[in-house]
Amino acid sequence: MRSTYHYFHSLYRTYSGGAHGGYVHFGDGLIYLAAAILPAPYAMAAGAIGGGLADLLTAPAWAIATIIIKALLVLPFTNKGSTILNKRNYIAPIIAYLISHTGYFIAEAVMFGIKTALLSGLTGGLIQSGGSMVFFILLGQALDKISFKSKVEVTNG
């Protein structure tokens, strides 16, 4: 899951420029997918390690914030049930956006000041979280059509 996250993270990455030098990607969709399949501690580790490695390779200043934020993104999701997409997991990406946006706003305010954080954070965050949500839902629908969760054994631990 880690290497898959890193691959899709770099495949769909777009540099947004600006004062923060950040970039936008849809790799969070794979963190959402991990959260819908794996027990929470494993999904948190996959998100933190995958996102952290991606930032270490592309934008190292963000690595610490990313490790914390990506681990927290899995909390709104559930891996309970026989499908990836359920009522909770359709709503969870919206809550994940709030976690991500708040976390990166705080990190950006610490690194570059509140004014910069206010000016640059909203657009990239909406594009990244929105695109990740669409990516997660499309992938979840495809995997649910083939009953993916019933074909893999994941125990809650």
Foldseek 3Di string as FASTA:
>chain_A
DLVVLLVQQVVAWDFPDAPQRDIAGLSLLVLLQCLQAAALVVSLQSQLNSQLVNCVVPPNLCNVLRSVLRSVLSVQYHNDDQASDDPSSLCSLVVSLVSVLVSVLVSCCVVPNNVRSVPPRPPRSCVRSVSNSVVNVVVRVVCVVVSVNVVDDHDHD
